[in-house]
């Protein structure tokens, strides 16, 4: 057998760690260049070991994780979270524009000001 107990196929690990819903989706992501192991592009059969650093590009964004444990079966979410440490840098807060300011007694808002107020309130 090619796999030793201290290593596991990357597609299998990604599936067990719940980054992808199916193993075939994990294999497609690896084949499509969406997964890097230690800054090298990973094919689905690439072996991962404890301590490896993975960069995973998903629809929600890019994640950086460190492998803490190996598992070849998919389990509950708390067990899956114990397989890795999330090293993804936090996303910077989005800059919100200053709300439009109207001096008191300036009268009724113009059409443009009203649209800005509605956009701010989320209408």
N, C-alpha and C. Protein backbone atom coordinates (compact mmCIF):
# COMPACT_ATOMS: atom_id res chain seq x y z
N UNK A 1 0.84 -1.18 0.00
CA UNK A 1 0.00 0.00 0.00
C UNK A 1 0.89 1.24 0.00
N UNK A 2 0.57 2.23 -0.82
CA UNK A 2 1.40 3.42 -0.97
C UNK A 2 1.26 4.36 0.22
N UNK A 3 0.07 4.43 0.83
CA UNK A 3 -0.14 5.34 1.94
C UNK A 3 0.41 4.75 3.23
N UNK A 4 1.21 5.52 3.91
CA UNK A 4 1.67 5.09 5.23
C UNK A 4 0.72 5.67 6.27
N UNK A 5 0.74 5.15 7.49
CA UNK A 5 -0.22 5.64 8.49
C UNK A 5 -0.04 7.12 8.83
N UNK A 6 1.11 7.69 8.51
CA UNK A 6 1.33 9.09 8.85
C UNK A 6 1.03 10.03 7.69
N UNK A 7 0.42 9.54 6.62
CA UNK A 7 0.05 10.39 5.49
C UNK A 7 -1.28 9.94 4.91
N UNK A 8 -1.92 10.86 4.16
CA UNK A 8 -3.24 10.58 3.60
C UNK A 8 -3.40 11.41 2.32
N UNK A 9 -4.18 10.90 1.39
CA UNK A 9 -4.45 11.65 0.15
C UNK A 9 -5.14 12.96 0.48
N UNK A 10 -4.75 14.02 -0.21
CA UNK A 10 -5.28 15.35 0.10
C UNK A 10 -6.78 15.43 -0.19
N UNK A 11 -7.26 14.80 -1.26
CA UNK A 11 -8.69 14.87 -1.55
C UNK A 11 -9.50 14.17 -0.47
N UNK A 12 -8.99 13.08 0.05
CA UNK A 12 -9.68 12.36 1.11
C UNK A 12 -9.70 13.17 2.41
N UNK A 13 -8.58 13.83 2.70
CA UNK A 13 -8.51 14.63 3.92
C UNK A 13 -9.43 15.85 3.83
N UNK A 14 -9.46 16.51 2.67
CA UNK A 14 -10.33 17.67 2.49
C UNK A 14 -11.81 17.30 2.66
N UNK A 15 -12.16 16.13 2.18
CA UNK A 15 -13.53 15.65 2.33
C UNK A 15 -13.83 15.33 3.79
N UNK A 16 -12.89 14.67 4.48
CA UNK A 16 -13.09 14.31 5.89
C UNK A 16 -13.13 15.55 6.78
N UNK A 17 -12.38 16.59 6.41
CA UNK A 17 -12.35 17.82 7.19
C UNK A 17 -13.50 18.76 6.83
N UNK A 18 -14.38 18.32 5.94
CA UNK A 18 -15.60 19.03 5.56
C UNK A 18 -15.36 20.34 4.82
N UNK A 19 -14.29 20.41 4.03
CA UNK A 19 -14.10 21.57 3.17
C UNK A 19 -14.91 21.41 1.90
N UNK A 20 -15.19 20.15 1.50
CA UNK A 20 -15.98 19.86 0.32
C UNK A 20 -17.03 18.81 0.67
N UNK A 21 -18.18 18.90 0.02
CA UNK A 21 -19.29 18.03 0.34
C UNK A 21 -19.05 16.59 -0.10
N UNK A 22 -18.36 16.42 -1.22
CA UNK A 22 -18.06 15.08 -1.69
C UNK A 22 -16.57 14.97 -2.00
N UNK A 23 -16.10 13.75 -2.03
CA UNK A 23 -14.70 13.54 -2.33
C UNK A 23 -14.39 13.88 -3.78
N UNK A 24 -15.34 13.66 -4.66
CA UNK A 24 -15.11 13.99 -6.07
C UNK A 24 -14.99 15.50 -6.26
N UNK A 25 -15.74 16.30 -5.48
CA UNK A 25 -15.58 17.75 -5.55
C UNK A 25 -14.20 18.17 -5.03
N UNK A 26 -13.72 17.50 -4.00
CA UNK A 26 -12.37 17.78 -3.49
C UNK A 26 -11.32 17.43 -4.54
N UNK A 27 -11.51 16.31 -5.23
CA UNK A 27 -10.56 15.91 -6.28
C UNK A 27 -10.59 16.89 -7.44
N UNK A 28 -11.77 17.39 -7.81
CA UNK A 28 -11.88 18.38 -8.89
C UNK A 28 -11.18 19.68 -8.50
N UNK A 29 -11.33 20.08 -7.24
CA UNK A 29 -10.66 21.31 -6.79
C UNK A 29 -9.15 21.14 -6.85
N UNK A 30 -8.66 19.99 -6.46
CA UNK A 30 -7.21 19.73 -6.51
C UNK A 30 -6.72 19.74 -7.96
N UNK A 31 -7.45 19.05 -8.82
CA UNK A 31 -7.05 18.98 -10.22
C UNK A 31 -7.14 20.34 -10.90
N UNK A 32 -8.04 21.20 -10.41
CA UNK A 32 -8.22 22.52 -11.01
C UNK A 32 -7.28 23.57 -10.46
N UNK A 33 -6.36 23.19 -9.59
CA UNK A 33 -5.39 24.14 -9.06
C UNK A 33 -5.91 24.99 -7.93
N UNK A 34 -6.96 24.56 -7.27
CA UNK A 34 -7.55 25.34 -6.18
C UNK A 34 -6.98 24.97 -4.81
N UNK A 35 -6.11 23.97 -4.76
CA UNK A 35 -5.54 23.53 -3.49
C UNK A 35 -4.02 23.49 -3.61
N UNK A 36 -3.34 24.11 -2.66
CA UNK A 36 -1.88 24.09 -2.59
C UNK A 36 -1.47 23.45 -1.27
N UNK A 37 -0.48 22.57 -1.32
CA UNK A 37 0.08 21.96 -0.12
C UNK A 37 1.51 22.47 0.01
N UNK A 38 1.78 23.17 1.08
CA UNK A 38 3.10 23.76 1.31
C UNK A 38 3.56 24.59 0.10
N UNK A 39 2.67 25.41 -0.41
CA UNK A 39 2.92 26.32 -1.54
C UNK A 39 3.21 25.61 -2.86
N UNK A 40 2.88 24.34 -2.98
CA UNK A 40 2.99 23.61 -4.24
C UNK A 40 1.60 23.15 -4.66
N UNK A 41 1.31 23.23 -5.96
CA UNK A 41 0.02 22.77 -6.45
C UNK A 41 -0.16 21.29 -6.13
N UNK A 42 -1.36 20.93 -5.71
CA UNK A 42 -1.61 19.56 -5.27
C UNK A 42 -2.56 18.85 -6.22
N UNK A 43 -2.16 17.67 -6.65
CA UNK A 43 -3.06 16.79 -7.37
C UNK A 43 -3.83 15.99 -6.32
N UNK A 44 -4.94 15.35 -6.70
CA UNK A 44 -5.75 14.65 -5.70
C UNK A 44 -4.99 13.57 -4.93
N UNK A 45 -3.99 12.94 -5.52
CA UNK A 45 -3.28 11.86 -4.86
C UNK A 45 -2.10 12.34 -4.02
N UNK A 46 -1.87 13.64 -3.95
CA UNK A 46 -0.77 14.18 -3.15
C UNK A 46 -0.99 13.79 -1.69
N UNK A 47 0.07 13.39 -1.02
CA UNK A 47 -0.04 12.97 0.37
C UNK A 47 0.15 14.17 1.29
N UNK A 48 -0.71 14.26 2.30
CA UNK A 48 -0.57 15.29 3.32
C UNK A 48 -0.17 14.63 4.62
N UNK A 49 0.60 15.36 5.41
CA UNK A 49 1.05 14.87 6.70
C UNK A 49 0.70 15.91 7.77
N UNK A 50 0.76 15.52 9.00
CA UNK A 50 0.52 16.45 10.10
C UNK A 50 1.58 17.55 10.03
N UNK A 51 1.14 18.79 10.13
CA UNK A 51 2.04 19.92 10.06
C UNK A 51 2.06 20.60 8.70
N UNK A 52 1.49 19.99 7.67
CA UNK A 52 1.44 20.61 6.35
C UNK A 52 0.50 21.81 6.36
N UNK A 53 0.78 22.77 5.48
CA UNK A 53 -0.03 23.97 5.36
C UNK A 53 -0.76 23.92 4.02
N UNK A 54 -2.07 24.05 4.05
CA UNK A 54 -2.89 23.99 2.84
C UNK A 54 -3.52 25.34 2.58
N UNK A 55 -3.54 25.72 1.29
CA UNK A 55 -4.29 26.90 0.84
C UNK A 55 -5.42 26.39 -0.04
N UNK A 56 -6.62 26.70 0.36
CA UNK A 56 -7.80 26.19 -0.33
C UNK A 56 -8.60 27.38 -0.84
N UNK A 57 -8.84 27.42 -2.15
CA UNK A 57 -9.64 28.47 -2.74
C UNK A 57 -11.04 27.93 -2.96
N UNK A 58 -12.00 28.57 -2.31
CA UNK A 58 -13.40 28.18 -2.44
C UNK A 58 -14.21 29.39 -2.88
N UNK A 59 -15.48 29.18 -3.07
CA UNK A 59 -16.35 30.26 -3.51
C UNK A 59 -16.38 31.40 -2.49
N UNK A 60 -16.30 31.07 -1.19
CA UNK A 60 -16.36 32.07 -0.14
C UNK A 60 -15.05 32.86 -0.01
N UNK A 61 -13.98 32.36 -0.57
CA UNK A 61 -12.70 33.03 -0.48
C UNK A 61 -11.58 32.03 -0.29
N UNK A 62 -10.41 32.54 0.04
CA UNK A 62 -9.24 31.69 0.20
C UNK A 62 -9.02 31.39 1.68
N UNK A 63 -8.76 30.12 2.00
CA UNK A 63 -8.52 29.71 3.39
C UNK A 63 -7.14 29.10 3.49
N UNK A 64 -6.49 29.36 4.60
CA UNK A 64 -5.18 28.79 4.89
C UNK A 64 -5.34 27.99 6.17
N UNK A 65 -4.99 26.69 6.09
CA UNK A 65 -5.14 25.82 7.25
C UNK A 65 -3.87 25.01 7.47
N UNK A 66 -3.67 24.61 8.71
CA UNK A 66 -2.55 23.75 9.07
C UNK A 66 -3.14 22.42 9.52
N UNK A 67 -2.62 21.33 8.99
CA UNK A 67 -3.12 20.00 9.31
C UNK A 67 -2.65 19.61 10.71
N UNK A 68 -3.61 19.32 11.60
CA UNK A 68 -3.28 18.89 12.96
C UNK A 68 -3.43 17.39 13.15
N UNK A 69 -4.34 16.78 12.39
CA UNK A 69 -4.58 15.34 12.52
C UNK A 69 -5.08 14.81 11.18
N UNK A 70 -4.99 13.51 11.01
CA UNK A 70 -5.44 12.87 9.78
C UNK A 70 -6.67 12.02 10.08
N UNK A 71 -7.60 12.01 9.14
CA UNK A 71 -8.79 11.17 9.24
C UNK A 71 -9.22 10.81 7.83
N UNK A 72 -9.50 9.54 7.61
CA UNK A 72 -9.94 9.13 6.27
C UNK A 72 -11.43 8.88 6.20
N UNK A 73 -12.14 9.10 7.30
CA UNK A 73 -13.59 8.98 7.30
C UNK A 73 -14.20 10.31 7.70
N UNK A 74 -15.36 10.58 7.15
CA UNK A 74 -16.03 11.84 7.43
C UNK A 74 -16.88 11.66 8.69
N UNK A 75 -16.68 12.55 9.64
CA UNK A 75 -17.41 12.46 10.90
C UNK A 75 -18.20 13.73 11.15
N UNK A 76 -18.63 13.91 12.39
CA UNK A 76 -19.37 15.12 12.72
C UNK A 76 -18.50 16.37 12.64
N UNK A 77 -19.14 17.51 12.54
CA UNK A 77 -18.43 18.77 12.36
C UNK A 77 -17.43 19.08 13.47
N UNK A 78 -17.75 18.85 14.75
CA UNK A 78 -16.74 19.14 15.78
C UNK A 78 -15.47 18.29 15.63
N UNK A 79 -15.62 17.06 15.19
CA UNK A 79 -14.46 16.20 14.95
C UNK A 79 -13.67 16.72 13.76
N UNK A 80 -14.37 17.18 12.72
CA UNK A 80 -13.71 17.70 11.52
C UNK A 80 -12.93 18.97 11.85
N UNK A 81 -13.47 19.82 12.72
CA UNK A 81 -12.77 21.05 13.09
C UNK A 81 -11.50 20.78 13.87
N UNK A 82 -11.44 19.64 14.52
CA UNK A 82 -10.23 19.28 15.29
C UNK A 82 -9.10 18.79 14.38
N UNK A 83 -9.38 18.58 13.09
CA UNK A 83 -8.36 18.09 12.17
C UNK A 83 -7.42 19.19 11.69
N UNK A 84 -7.82 20.45 11.85
CA UNK A 84 -7.01 21.54 11.29
C UNK A 84 -7.07 22.76 12.19
N UNK A 85 -6.09 23.63 11.98
CA UNK A 85 -6.07 24.94 12.62
C UNK A 85 -6.23 25.98 11.51
N UNK A 86 -7.19 26.85 11.67
CA UNK A 86 -7.46 27.86 10.64
C UNK A 86 -6.49 29.02 10.80
N UNK A 87 -5.65 29.25 9.79
CA UNK A 87 -4.67 30.32 9.80
C UNK A 87 -5.05 31.46 8.87
N UNK A 88 -6.27 31.45 8.38
CA UNK A 88 -6.72 32.46 7.44
C UNK A 88 -6.71 33.83 8.12
N UNK A 89 -6.06 34.81 7.50
CA UNK A 89 -6.08 36.14 8.12
C UNK A 89 -7.49 36.70 8.09
N UNK A 90 -7.87 37.44 9.13
CA UNK A 90 -9.23 37.99 9.15
C UNK A 90 -9.42 38.99 8.02
N UNK A 91 -10.62 39.02 7.50
CA UNK A 91 -10.91 39.96 6.43
C UNK A 91 -10.99 41.36 7.01
N UNK A 92 -10.44 42.34 6.30
CA UNK A 92 -10.50 43.71 6.83
C UNK A 92 -11.94 44.20 6.83
N UNK A 93 -12.31 45.00 7.81
CA UNK A 93 -13.69 45.50 7.83
C UNK A 93 -13.94 46.41 6.64
N UNK A 94 -15.12 46.30 6.12
CA UNK A 94 -15.47 47.13 4.97
C UNK A 94 -15.69 48.55 5.43
N UNK A 95 -15.16 49.47 4.66
CA UNK A 95 -15.33 50.88 5.00
C UNK A 95 -16.74 51.30 4.62
N UNK A 96 -17.44 51.82 5.60
CA UNK A 96 -18.80 52.28 5.35
C UNK A 96 -18.76 53.76 5.03
N UNK A 97 -19.49 54.18 4.03
CA UNK A 97 -19.50 55.61 3.72
C UNK A 97 -20.19 56.39 4.84
N UNK A 98 -19.77 57.61 5.01
CA UNK A 98 -20.39 58.46 6.02
C UNK A 98 -21.84 58.73 5.63
N UNK A 99 -22.72 58.70 6.61
CA UNK A 99 -24.12 58.96 6.26
C UNK A 99 -24.28 60.39 5.76
N UNK A 100 -25.20 60.59 4.85
CA UNK A 100 -25.40 61.95 4.36
C UNK A 100 -25.84 62.86 5.50
N UNK A 101 -25.24 64.03 5.56
CA UNK A 101 -25.54 64.97 6.65
C UNK A 101 -26.33 66.14 6.11
N UNK A 102 -27.37 66.44 6.81
CA UNK A 102 -28.19 67.60 6.44
C UNK A 102 -28.27 68.51 7.65
N UNK A 103 -28.01 69.75 7.46
CA UNK A 103 -28.14 70.67 8.59
C UNK A 103 -29.60 70.76 9.02
N UNK A 104 -29.83 70.92 10.30
CA UNK A 104 -31.21 71.04 10.78
C UNK A 104 -31.90 72.24 10.13
N UNK A 105 -33.14 72.01 9.76
CA UNK A 105 -33.92 73.08 9.15
C UNK A 105 -33.60 73.31 7.69
N UNK A 106 -32.95 72.37 7.03
CA UNK A 106 -32.58 72.54 5.62
C UNK A 106 -33.73 72.23 4.69
N UNK A 107 -34.86 71.80 5.24
CA UNK A 107 -36.01 71.53 4.39
C UNK A 107 -36.08 70.07 3.99
N UNK A 108 -36.91 69.84 3.01
CA UNK A 108 -37.16 68.48 2.55
C UNK A 108 -35.95 67.97 1.75
N UNK A 109 -35.60 66.66 1.92
CA UNK A 109 -34.46 66.14 1.16
C UNK A 109 -34.75 66.11 -0.34
N UNK A 110 -33.70 66.30 -1.12
CA UNK A 110 -33.84 66.20 -2.57
C UNK A 110 -33.96 64.73 -2.95
N UNK A 111 -34.27 64.50 -4.21
CA UNK A 111 -34.42 63.13 -4.68
C UNK A 111 -33.11 62.35 -4.50
N UNK A 112 -32.00 62.99 -4.81
CA UNK A 112 -30.69 62.35 -4.67
C UNK A 112 -30.40 62.03 -3.19
N UNK A 113 -30.67 62.98 -2.31
CA UNK A 113 -30.44 62.75 -0.88
C UNK A 113 -31.35 61.65 -0.35
N UNK A 114 -32.58 61.60 -0.81
CA UNK A 114 -33.51 60.57 -0.38
C UNK A 114 -33.02 59.18 -0.81
N UNK A 115 -32.52 59.08 -2.04
CA UNK A 115 -31.99 57.79 -2.52
C UNK A 115 -30.77 57.38 -1.72
N UNK A 116 -29.91 58.32 -1.36
CA UNK A 116 -28.75 58.00 -0.53
C UNK A 116 -29.19 57.50 0.85
N UNK A 117 -30.21 58.14 1.42
CA UNK A 117 -30.73 57.70 2.71
C UNK A 117 -31.32 56.29 2.61
N UNK A 118 -32.07 56.01 1.55
CA UNK A 118 -32.66 54.69 1.37
C UNK A 118 -31.57 53.63 1.17
N UNK A 119 -30.52 53.96 0.41
CA UNK A 119 -29.43 53.04 0.20
C UNK A 119 -28.72 52.73 1.53
N UNK A 120 -28.58 53.75 2.36
CA UNK A 120 -27.94 53.59 3.66
C UNK A 120 -28.78 52.71 4.58
N UNK A 121 -30.09 52.88 4.53
CA UNK A 121 -30.98 52.10 5.39
C UNK A 121 -31.24 50.70 4.86
N UNK A 122 -30.84 50.42 3.62
CA UNK A 122 -30.98 49.08 3.07
C UNK A 122 -32.29 48.83 2.35
N UNK A 123 -32.94 49.85 1.85
CA UNK A 123 -34.19 49.65 1.12
C UNK A 123 -33.92 49.31 -0.30
